[in-house]
Amino acid sequence: MSTESGSEFSLWEGDISGKNLEFKENEKIVQQWYFGEQEEPSIVTLEIQEGKEGTNINLLHTNVPDEDFEDIKYGWKNYYFGGLKAFFN
């Protein structure tokens, strides 16, 4: 995935696609995620901070369609963060 603002991306064979809005290395990632014909964009903000016992990631995902909420919640926990945890452990 590119770190350039405005660059488009796709993850998990197209299950997730969007555009990078902001990237501050080791600090913050802001992305717009696409959900079909939804009028308002879904925005994902990941803030990365060093903690006493490791790295903390604060997630804010706004404007998730009601019908996609449970799938998105499951995906963050089990695929996105679960994959990172498995990779680093």
PDB file of N, CA and C in Angstrom:
ATOM      1  N   MET A   1       0.849  -1.174   0.000  1.00  0.00           N
ATOM      2  CA  MET A   1       0.000   0.000   0.000  1.00  0.00           C
ATOM      3  C   MET A   1       0.895   1.238   0.000  1.00  0.00           C
ATOM      4  N   SER A   2       0.545   2.196  -0.796  1.00  0.00           N
ATOM      5  CA  SER A   2       1.292   3.443  -0.873  1.00  0.00           C
ATOM      6  C   SER A   2       1.010   4.321   0.353  1.00  0.00           C
ATOM      7  N   THR A   3       1.958   5.165   0.686  1.00  0.00           N
ATOM      8  CA  THR A   3       1.775   6.130   1.775  1.00  0.00           C
ATOM      9  C   THR A   3       1.399   7.510   1.239  1.00  0.00           C
ATOM     10  N   GLU A   4       1.183   7.630  -0.049  1.00  0.00           N
ATOM     11  CA  GLU A   4       0.852   8.906  -0.684  1.00  0.00           C
ATOM     12  C   GLU A   4      -0.620   9.258  -0.468  1.00  0.00           C
ATOM     13  N   SER A   5      -0.889  10.495  -0.043  1.00  0.00           N
ATOM     14  CA  SER A   5      -2.267  10.972   0.056  1.00  0.00           C
ATOM     15  C   SER A   5      -2.910  10.933  -1.320  1.00  0.00           C
ATOM     16  N   GLY A   6      -4.141  10.464  -1.361  1.00  0.00           N
ATOM     17  CA  GLY A   6      -4.872  10.372  -2.620  1.00  0.00           C
ATOM     18  C   GLY A   6      -4.710   9.055  -3.341  1.00  0.00           C
ATOM     19  N   SER A   7      -3.755   8.222  -2.915  1.00  0.00           N
ATOM     20  CA  SER A   7      -3.562   6.928  -3.583  1.00  0.00           C
ATOM     21  C   SER A   7      -4.652   5.953  -3.156  1.00  0.00           C
ATOM     22  N   GLU A   8      -5.070   5.122  -4.079  1.00  0.00           N
ATOM     23  CA  GLU A   8      -6.116   4.132  -3.823  1.00  0.00           C
ATOM     24  C   GLU A   8      -5.468   2.817  -3.402  1.00  0.00           C
ATOM     25  N   PHE A   9      -6.226   2.005  -2.667  1.00  0.00           N
ATOM     26  CA  PHE A   9      -5.706   0.718  -2.202  1.00  0.00           C
ATOM     27  C   PHE A   9      -6.809  -0.321  -2.199  1.00  0.00           C
ATOM     28  N   SER A  10      -6.401  -1.565  -2.083  1.00  0.00           N
ATOM     29  CA  SER A  10      -7.320  -2.688  -1.973  1.00  0.00           C
ATOM     30  C   SER A  10      -6.673  -3.727  -1.067  1.00  0.00           C
ATOM     31  N   LEU A  11      -7.466  -4.308  -0.183  1.00  0.00           N
ATOM     32  CA  LEU A  11      -6.982  -5.326   0.752  1.00  0.00           C
ATOM     33  C   LEU A  11      -7.843  -6.580   0.657  1.00  0.00           C
ATOM     34  N   TRP A  12      -7.277  -7.683   1.033  1.00  0.00           N
ATOM     35  CA  TRP A  12      -7.995  -8.956   1.095  1.00  0.00           C
ATOM     36  C   TRP A  12      -8.771  -9.212  -0.193  1.00  0.00           C
ATOM     37  N   GLU A  13      -8.019  -9.211  -1.301  1.00  0.00           N
ATOM     38  CA  GLU A  13      -8.568  -9.513  -2.624  1.00  0.00           C
ATOM     39  C   GLU A  13      -9.789  -8.663  -2.965  1.00  0.00           C
ATOM     40  N   GLY A  14      -9.745  -7.405  -2.578  1.00  0.00           N
ATOM     41  CA  GLY A  14     -10.814  -6.470  -2.925  1.00  0.00           C
ATOM     42  C   GLY A  14     -11.954  -6.369  -1.929  1.00  0.00           C
ATOM     43  N   ASP A  15     -11.881  -7.127  -0.824  1.00  0.00           N
ATOM     44  CA  ASP A  15     -12.943  -7.022   0.181  1.00  0.00           C
ATOM     45  C   ASP A  15     -12.997  -5.619   0.776  1.00  0.00           C
ATOM     46  N   ILE A  16     -11.845  -4.977   0.861  1.00  0.00           N
ATOM     47  CA  ILE A  16     -11.760  -3.605   1.348  1.00  0.00           C
ATOM     48  C   ILE A  16     -11.037  -2.789   0.285  1.00  0.00           C
ATOM     49  N   SER A  17     -11.591  -1.647  -0.056  1.00  0.00           N
ATOM     50  CA  SER A  17     -10.898  -0.745  -0.963  1.00  0.00           C
ATOM     51  C   SER A  17     -11.156   0.682  -0.514  1.00  0.00           C
ATOM     52  N   GLY A  18     -10.257   1.580  -0.898  1.00  0.00           N
ATOM     53  CA  GLY A  18     -10.430   2.956  -0.476  1.00  0.00           C
ATOM     54  C   GLY A  18      -9.317   3.852  -0.963  1.00  0.00           C
ATOM     55  N   LYS A  19      -9.198   4.984  -0.268  1.00  0.00           N
ATOM     56  CA  LYS A  19      -8.210   5.995  -0.633  1.00  0.00           C
ATOM     57  C   LYS A  19      -7.505   6.469   0.623  1.00  0.00           C
ATOM     58  N   ASN A  20      -6.180   6.628   0.529  1.00  0.00           N
ATOM     59  CA  ASN A  20      -5.403   7.183   1.635  1.00  0.00           C
ATOM     60  C   ASN A  20      -5.606   8.697   1.667  1.00  0.00           C
ATOM     61  N   LEU A  21      -6.022   9.215   2.817  1.00  0.00           N
ATOM     62  CA  LEU A  21      -6.229  10.650   2.964  1.00  0.00           C
ATOM     63  C   LEU A  21      -5.057  11.330   3.665  1.00  0.00           C
ATOM     64  N   GLU A  22      -4.474  10.613   4.637  1.00  0.00           N
ATOM     65  CA  GLU A  22      -3.368  11.192   5.410  1.00  0.00           C
ATOM     66  C   GLU A  22      -2.476  10.067   5.912  1.00  0.00           C
ATOM     67  N   PHE A  23      -1.174  10.327   5.944  1.00  0.00           N
ATOM     68  CA  PHE A  23      -0.224   9.345   6.455  1.00  0.00           C
ATOM     69  C   PHE A  23       0.913  10.088   7.135  1.00  0.00           C
ATOM     70  N   LYS A  24       1.076   9.836   8.443  1.00  0.00           N
ATOM     71  CA  LYS A  24       2.213  10.365   9.188  1.00  0.00           C
ATOM     72  C   LYS A  24       2.944   9.156   9.751  1.00  0.00           C
ATOM     73  N   GLU A  25       4.124   8.892   9.232  1.00  0.00           N
ATOM     74  CA  GLU A  25       4.859   7.685   9.584  1.00  0.00           C
ATOM     75  C   GLU A  25       4.985   7.517  11.091  1.00  0.00           C
ATOM     76  N   ASN A  26       4.651   6.311  11.556  1.00  0.00           N
ATOM     77  CA  ASN A  26       4.706   5.929  12.968  1.00  0.00           C
ATOM     78  C   ASN A  26       3.763   6.738  13.851  1.00  0.00           C
ATOM     79  N   GLU A  27       2.799   7.446  13.270  1.00  0.00           N
ATOM     80  CA  GLU A  27       1.870   8.260  14.065  1.00  0.00           C
ATOM     81  C   GLU A  27       0.406   8.079  13.697  1.00  0.00           C
ATOM     82  N   LYS A  28       0.089   8.201  12.405  1.00  0.00           N
ATOM     83  CA  LYS A  28      -1.327   8.290  12.050  1.00  0.00           C
ATOM     84  C   LYS A  28      -1.568   7.866  10.601  1.00  0.00           C
ATOM     85  N   ILE A  29      -2.687   7.161  10.398  1.00  0.00           N
ATOM     86  CA  ILE A  29      -3.172   6.802   9.071  1.00  0.00           C
ATOM     87  C   ILE A  29      -4.650   7.176   9.016  1.00  0.00           C
ATOM     88  N   VAL A  30      -5.057   7.894   7.975  1.00  0.00           N
ATOM     89  CA  VAL A  30      -6.465   8.217   7.759  1.00  0.00           C
ATOM     90  C   VAL A  30      -6.820   7.744   6.358  1.00  0.00           C
ATOM     91  N   GLN A  31      -7.895   6.936   6.273  1.00  0.00           N
ATOM     92  CA  GLN A  31      -8.314   6.377   4.994  1.00  0.00           C
ATOM     93  C   GLN A  31      -9.819   6.552   4.804  1.00  0.00           C
ATOM     94  N   GLN A  32     -10.218   6.656   3.561  1.00  0.00           N
ATOM     95  CA  GLN A  32     -11.630   6.608   3.194  1.00  0.00           C
ATOM     96  C   GLN A  32     -11.905   5.215   2.662  1.00  0.00           C
ATOM     97  N   TRP A  33     -12.889   4.545   3.224  1.00  0.00           N
ATOM     98  CA  TRP A  33     -13.268   3.214   2.764  1.00  0.00           C
ATOM     99  C   TRP A  33     -14.548   3.334   1.965  1.00  0.00           C
ATOM    100  N   TYR A  34     -14.649   2.548   0.894  1.00  0.00           N
ATOM    101  CA  TYR A  34     -15.813   2.598   0.012  1.00  0.00           C
ATOM    102  C   TYR A  34     -16.836   1.533   0.396  1.00  0.00           C
ATOM    103  N   PHE A  35     -18.082   1.942   0.425  1.00  0.00           N
ATOM    104  CA  PHE A  35     -19.198   1.016   0.645  1.00  0.00           C
ATOM    105  C   PHE A  35     -20.244   1.247  -0.434  1.00  0.00           C
ATOM    106  N   GLY A  36     -19.993   0.731  -1.611  1.00  0.00           N
ATOM    107  CA  GLY A  36     -20.966   0.784  -2.692  1.00  0.00           C
ATOM    108  C   GLY A  36     -21.484   2.175  -2.984  1.00  0.00           C
ATOM    109  N   GLU A  37     -22.800   2.336  -2.904  1.00  0.00           N
ATOM    110  CA  GLU A  37     -23.460   3.588  -3.269  1.00  0.00           C
ATOM    111  C   GLU A  37     -23.666   4.535  -2.084  1.00  0.00           C
ATOM    112  N   GLN A  38     -23.013   4.300  -0.983  1.00  0.00           N
ATOM    113  CA  GLN A  38     -23.173   5.139   0.204  1.00  0.00           C
ATOM    114  C   GLN A  38     -22.778   6.584  -0.116  1.00  0.00           C
ATOM    115  N   GLU A  39     -23.641   7.534   0.274  1.00  0.00           N
ATOM    116  CA  GLU A  39     -23.398   8.944  -0.037  1.00  0.00           C
ATOM    117  C   GLU A  39     -22.242   9.530   0.764  1.00  0.00           C
ATOM    118  N   GLU A  40     -22.189   9.268   2.053  1.00  0.00           N
ATOM    119  CA  GLU A  40     -21.134   9.788   2.918  1.00  0.00           C
ATOM    120  C   GLU A  40     -20.001   8.771   3.011  1.00  0.00           C
ATOM    121  N   PRO A  41     -18.760   9.219   2.913  1.00  0.00           N
ATOM    122  CA  PRO A  41     -17.652   8.256   3.003  1.00  0.00           C
ATOM    123  C   PRO A  41     -17.489   7.703   4.414  1.00  0.00           C
ATOM    124  N   SER A  42     -16.987   6.496   4.486  1.00  0.00           N
ATOM    125  CA  SER A  42     -16.604   5.874   5.747  1.00  0.00           C
ATOM    126  C   SER A  42     -15.130   6.214   5.963  1.00  0.00           C
ATOM    127  N   ILE A  43     -14.807   6.785   7.120  1.00  0.00           N
ATOM    128  CA  ILE A  43     -13.440   7.227   7.389  1.00  0.00           C
ATOM    129  C   ILE A  43     -12.839   6.379   8.506  1.00  0.00           C
ATOM    130  N   VAL A  44     -11.640   5.861   8.252  1.00  0.00           N
ATOM    131  CA  VAL A  44     -10.885   5.082   9.229  1.00  0.00           C
ATOM    132  C   VAL A  44      -9.679   5.912   9.662  1.00  0.00           C
ATOM    133  N   THR A  45      -9.553   6.099  10.980  1.00  0.00           N
ATOM    134  CA  THR A  45      -8.398   6.795  11.531  1.00  0.00           C
ATOM    135  C   THR A  45      -7.693   5.863  12.510  1.00  0.00           C
ATOM    136  N   LEU A  46      -6.416   5.617  12.260  1.00  0.00           N
ATOM    137  CA  LEU A  46      -5.585   4.816  13.158  1.00  0.00           C
ATOM    138  C   LEU A  46      -4.494   5.727  13.706  1.00  0.00           C
ATOM    139  N   GLU A  47      -4.470   5.892  15.021  1.00  0.00           N
ATOM    140  CA  GLU A  47      -3.421   6.673  15.676  1.00  0.00           C
ATOM    141  C   GLU A  47      -2.521   5.710  16.433  1.00  0.00           C
ATOM    142  N   ILE A  48      -1.230   5.831  16.202  1.00  0.00           N
ATOM    143  CA  ILE A  48      -0.241   4.904  16.747  1.00  0.00           C
ATOM    144  C   ILE A  48       0.571   5.630  17.811  1.00  0.00           C
ATOM    145  N   GLN A  49       0.630   5.023  19.011  1.00  0.00           N
ATOM    146  CA  GLN A  49       1.351   5.649  20.123  1.00  0.00           C
ATOM    147  C   GLN A  49       2.169   4.594  20.845  1.00  0.00           C
ATOM    148  N   GLU A  50       3.348   5.001  21.267  1.00  0.00           N
ATOM    149  CA  GLU A  50       4.176   4.122  22.087  1.00  0.00           C
ATOM    150  C   GLU A  50       3.630   4.108  23.507  1.00  0.00           C
ATOM    151  N   GLY A  51       3.437   2.917  24.064  1.00  0.00           N
ATOM    152  CA  GLY A  51       2.964   2.767  25.427  1.00  0.00           C
ATOM    153  C   GLY A  51       4.045   2.152  26.301  1.00  0.00           C
ATOM    154  N   LYS A  52       3.753   2.024  27.582  1.00  0.00           N
ATOM    155  CA  LYS A  52       4.723   1.452  28.521  1.00  0.00           C
ATOM    156  C   LYS A  52       5.045  -0.006  28.207  1.00  0.00           C
ATOM    157  N   GLU A  53       4.052  -0.728  27.681  1.00  0.00           N
ATOM    158  CA  GLU A  53       4.250  -2.150  27.421  1.00  0.00           C
ATOM    159  C   GLU A  53       4.218  -2.486  25.937  1.00  0.00           C
ATOM    160  N   GLY A  54       4.379  -1.502  25.072  1.00  0.00           N
ATOM    161  CA  GLY A  54       4.367  -1.753  23.632  1.00  0.00           C
ATOM    162  C   GLY A  54       3.647  -0.638  22.895  1.00  0.00           C
ATOM    163  N   THR A  55       3.233  -0.941  21.706  1.00  0.00           N
ATOM    164  CA  THR A  55       2.571   0.045  20.854  1.00  0.00           C
ATOM    165  C   THR A  55       1.066  -0.039  21.033  1.00  0.00           C
ATOM    166  N   ASN A  56       0.430   1.118  21.134  1.00  0.00           N
ATOM    167  CA  ASN A  56      -1.027   1.214  21.209  1.00  0.00           C
ATOM    168  C   ASN A  56      -1.548   1.771  19.897  1.00  0.00           C
ATOM    169  N   ILE A  57      -2.664   1.208  19.421  1.00  0.00           N
ATOM    170  CA  ILE A  57      -3.320   1.716  18.223  1.00  0.00           C
ATOM    171  C   ILE A  57      -4.743   2.102  18.601  1.00  0.00           C
ATOM    172  N   ASN A  58      -5.071   3.368  18.403  1.00  0.00           N
ATOM    173  CA  ASN A  58      -6.431   3.849  18.627  1.00  0.00           C
ATOM    174  C   ASN A  58      -7.147   3.872  17.281  1.00  0.00           C
ATOM    175  N   LEU A  59      -8.316   3.243  17.228  1.00  0.00           N
ATOM    176  CA  LEU A  59      -9.094   3.118  16.004  1.00  0.00           C
ATOM    177  C   LEU A  59     -10.375   3.927  16.120  1.00  0.00           C
ATOM    178  N   LEU A  60     -10.650   4.732  15.106  1.00  0.00           N
ATOM    179  CA  LEU A  60     -11.936   5.403  14.972  1.00  0.00           C
ATOM    180  C   LEU A  60     -12.420   5.137  13.558  1.00  0.00           C
ATOM    181  N   HIS A  61     -13.554   4.472  13.426  1.00  0.00           N
ATOM    182  CA  HIS A  61     -14.126   4.156  12.110  1.00  0.00           C
ATOM    183  C   HIS A  61     -15.527   4.748  12.086  1.00  0.00           C
ATOM    184  N   THR A  62     -15.694   5.820  11.334  1.00  0.00           N
ATOM    185  CA  THR A  62     -16.964   6.540  11.316  1.00  0.00           C
ATOM    186  C   THR A  62     -17.784   6.222  10.075  1.00  0.00           C
ATOM    187  N   ASN A  63     -19.079   6.439  10.211  1.00  0.00           N
ATOM    188  CA  ASN A  63     -20.036   6.321   9.110  1.00  0.00           C
ATOM    189  C   ASN A  63     -20.054   4.923   8.495  1.00  0.00           C
ATOM    190  N   VAL A  64     -20.120   3.927   9.348  1.00  0.00           N
ATOM    191  CA  VAL A  64     -20.259   2.545   8.896  1.00  0.00           C
ATOM    192  C   VAL A  64     -21.752   2.272   8.701  1.00  0.00           C
ATOM    193  N   PRO A  65     -22.167   1.789   7.543  1.00  0.00           N
ATOM    194  CA  PRO A  65     -23.580   1.474   7.336  1.00  0.00           C
ATOM    195  C   PRO A  65     -24.069   0.456   8.365  1.00  0.00           C
ATOM    196  N   ASP A  66     -25.276   0.665   8.879  1.00  0.00           N
ATOM    197  CA  ASP A  66     -25.842  -0.223   9.902  1.00  0.00           C
ATOM    198  C   ASP A  66     -25.765  -1.690   9.491  1.00  0.00           C
ATOM    199  N   GLU A  67     -26.070  -1.963   8.232  1.00  0.00           N
ATOM    200  CA  GLU A  67     -26.105  -3.352   7.772  1.00  0.00           C
ATOM    201  C   GLU A  67     -24.709  -3.981   7.688  1.00  0.00           C
ATOM    202  N   ASP A  68     -23.664  -3.170   7.741  1.00  0.00           N
ATOM    203  CA  ASP A  68     -22.290  -3.683   7.676  1.00  0.00           C
ATOM    204  C   ASP A  68     -21.582  -3.658   9.027  1.00  0.00           C
ATOM    205  N   PHE A  69     -22.215  -3.088  10.054  1.00  0.00           N
ATOM    206  CA  PHE A  69     -21.535  -2.853  11.324  1.00  0.00           C
ATOM    207  C   PHE A  69     -20.952  -4.123  11.943  1.00  0.00           C
ATOM    208  N   GLU A  70     -21.737  -5.162  12.094  1.00  0.00           N
ATOM    209  CA  GLU A  70     -21.256  -6.388  12.760  1.00  0.00           C
ATOM    210  C   GLU A  70     -20.117  -7.037  11.980  1.00  0.00           C
ATOM    211  N   ASP A  71     -20.220  -7.048  10.653  1.00  0.00           N
ATOM    212  CA  ASP A  71     -19.143  -7.626   9.838  1.00  0.00           C
ATOM    213  C   ASP A  71     -17.867  -6.808   9.973  1.00  0.00           C
ATOM    214  N   ILE A  72     -17.984  -5.486   9.982  1.00  0.00           N
ATOM    215  CA  ILE A  72     -16.817  -4.615  10.113  1.00  0.00           C
ATOM    216  C   ILE A  72     -16.174  -4.802  11.492  1.00  0.00           C
ATOM    217  N   LYS A  73     -17.008  -4.835  12.520  1.00  0.00           N
ATOM    218  CA  LYS A  73     -16.516  -5.037  13.889  1.00  0.00           C
ATOM    219  C   LYS A  73     -15.763  -6.368  14.001  1.00  0.00           C
ATOM    220  N   TYR A  74     -16.332  -7.421  13.462  1.00  0.00           N
ATOM    221  CA  TYR A  74     -15.696  -8.730  13.476  1.00  0.00           C
ATOM    222  C   TYR A  74     -14.375  -8.697  12.699  1.00  0.00           C
ATOM    223  N   GLY A  75     -14.384  -8.042  11.541  1.00  0.00           N
ATOM    224  CA  GLY A  75     -13.190  -7.969  10.712  1.00  0.00           C
ATOM    225  C   GLY A  75     -12.046  -7.242  11.392  1.00  0.00           C
ATOM    226  N   TRP A  76     -12.355  -6.119  12.060  1.00  0.00           N
ATOM    227  CA  TRP A  76     -11.292  -5.390  12.775  1.00  0.00           C
ATOM    228  C   TRP A  76     -10.665  -6.273  13.835  1.00  0.00           C
ATOM    229  N   LYS A  77     -11.507  -6.929  14.616  1.00  0.00           N
ATOM    230  CA  LYS A  77     -11.000  -7.731  15.728  1.00  0.00           C
ATOM    231  C   LYS A  77     -10.261  -8.981  15.252  1.00  0.00           C
ATOM    232  N   ASN A  78     -10.847  -9.714  14.343  1.00  0.00           N
ATOM    233  CA  ASN A  78     -10.314 -11.030  13.995  1.00  0.00           C
ATOM    234  C   ASN A  78      -9.338 -11.042  12.827  1.00  0.00           C
ATOM    235  N   TYR A  79      -9.523 -10.182  11.868  1.00  0.00           N
ATOM    236  CA  TYR A  79      -8.650 -10.199  10.699  1.00  0.00           C
ATOM    237  C   TYR A  79      -7.556  -9.139  10.783  1.00  0.00           C
ATOM    238  N   TYR A  80      -7.952  -7.887  10.958  1.00  0.00           N
ATOM    239  CA  TYR A  80      -6.972  -6.802  10.923  1.00  0.00           C
ATOM    240  C   TYR A  80      -6.059  -6.847  12.144  1.00  0.00           C
ATOM    241  N   PHE A  81      -6.630  -6.656  13.333  1.00  0.00           N
ATOM    242  CA  PHE A  81      -5.800  -6.660  14.546  1.00  0.00           C
ATOM    243  C   PHE A  81      -5.374  -8.071  14.931  1.00  0.00           C
ATOM    244  N   GLY A  82      -6.216  -9.061  14.685  1.00  0.00           N
ATOM    245  CA  GLY A  82      -5.841 -10.447  14.950  1.00  0.00           C
ATOM    246  C   GLY A  82      -4.651 -10.874  14.114  1.00  0.00           C
ATOM    247  N   GLY A  83      -4.619 -10.459  12.841  1.00  0.00           N
ATOM    248  CA  GLY A  83      -3.502 -10.763  11.968  1.00  0.00           C
ATOM    249  C   GLY A  83      -2.215 -10.089  12.414  1.00  0.00           C
ATOM    250  N   LEU A  84      -2.327  -8.820  12.835  1.00  0.00           N
ATOM    251  CA  LEU A  84      -1.144  -8.117  13.345  1.00  0.00           C
ATOM    252  C   LEU A  84      -0.608  -8.775  14.614  1.00  0.00           C
ATOM    253  N   LYS A  85      -1.511  -9.139  15.503  1.00  0.00           N
ATOM    254  CA  LYS A  85      -1.096  -9.783  16.756  1.00  0.00           C
ATOM    255  C   LYS A  85      -0.398 -11.112  16.480  1.00  0.00           C
ATOM    256  N   ALA A  86      -0.971 -11.902  15.597  1.00  0.00           N
ATOM    257  CA  ALA A  86      -0.368 -13.200  15.250  1.00  0.00           C
ATOM    258  C   ALA A  86       1.003 -13.007  14.597  1.00  0.00           C
ATOM    259  N   PHE A  87       1.133 -11.988  13.774  1.00  0.00           N
ATOM    260  CA  PHE A  87       2.392 -11.727  13.083  1.00  0.00           C
ATOM    261  C   PHE A  87       3.504 -11.372  14.060  1.00  0.00           C
ATOM    262  N   PHE A  88       3.189 -10.565  15.071  1.00  0.00           N
ATOM    263  CA  PHE A  88       4.212 -10.091  15.998  1.00  0.00           C
ATOM    264  C   PHE A  88       4.437 -10.979  17.205  1.00  0.00           C
ATOM    265  N   ASN A  89       3.579 -11.967  17.427  1.00  0.00           N
ATOM    266  CA  ASN A  89       3.772 -12.890  18.566  1.00  0.00           C
ATOM    267  C   ASN A  89       4.514 -14.131  18.154  1.00  0.00           C
TER     268      ASN A  89
END
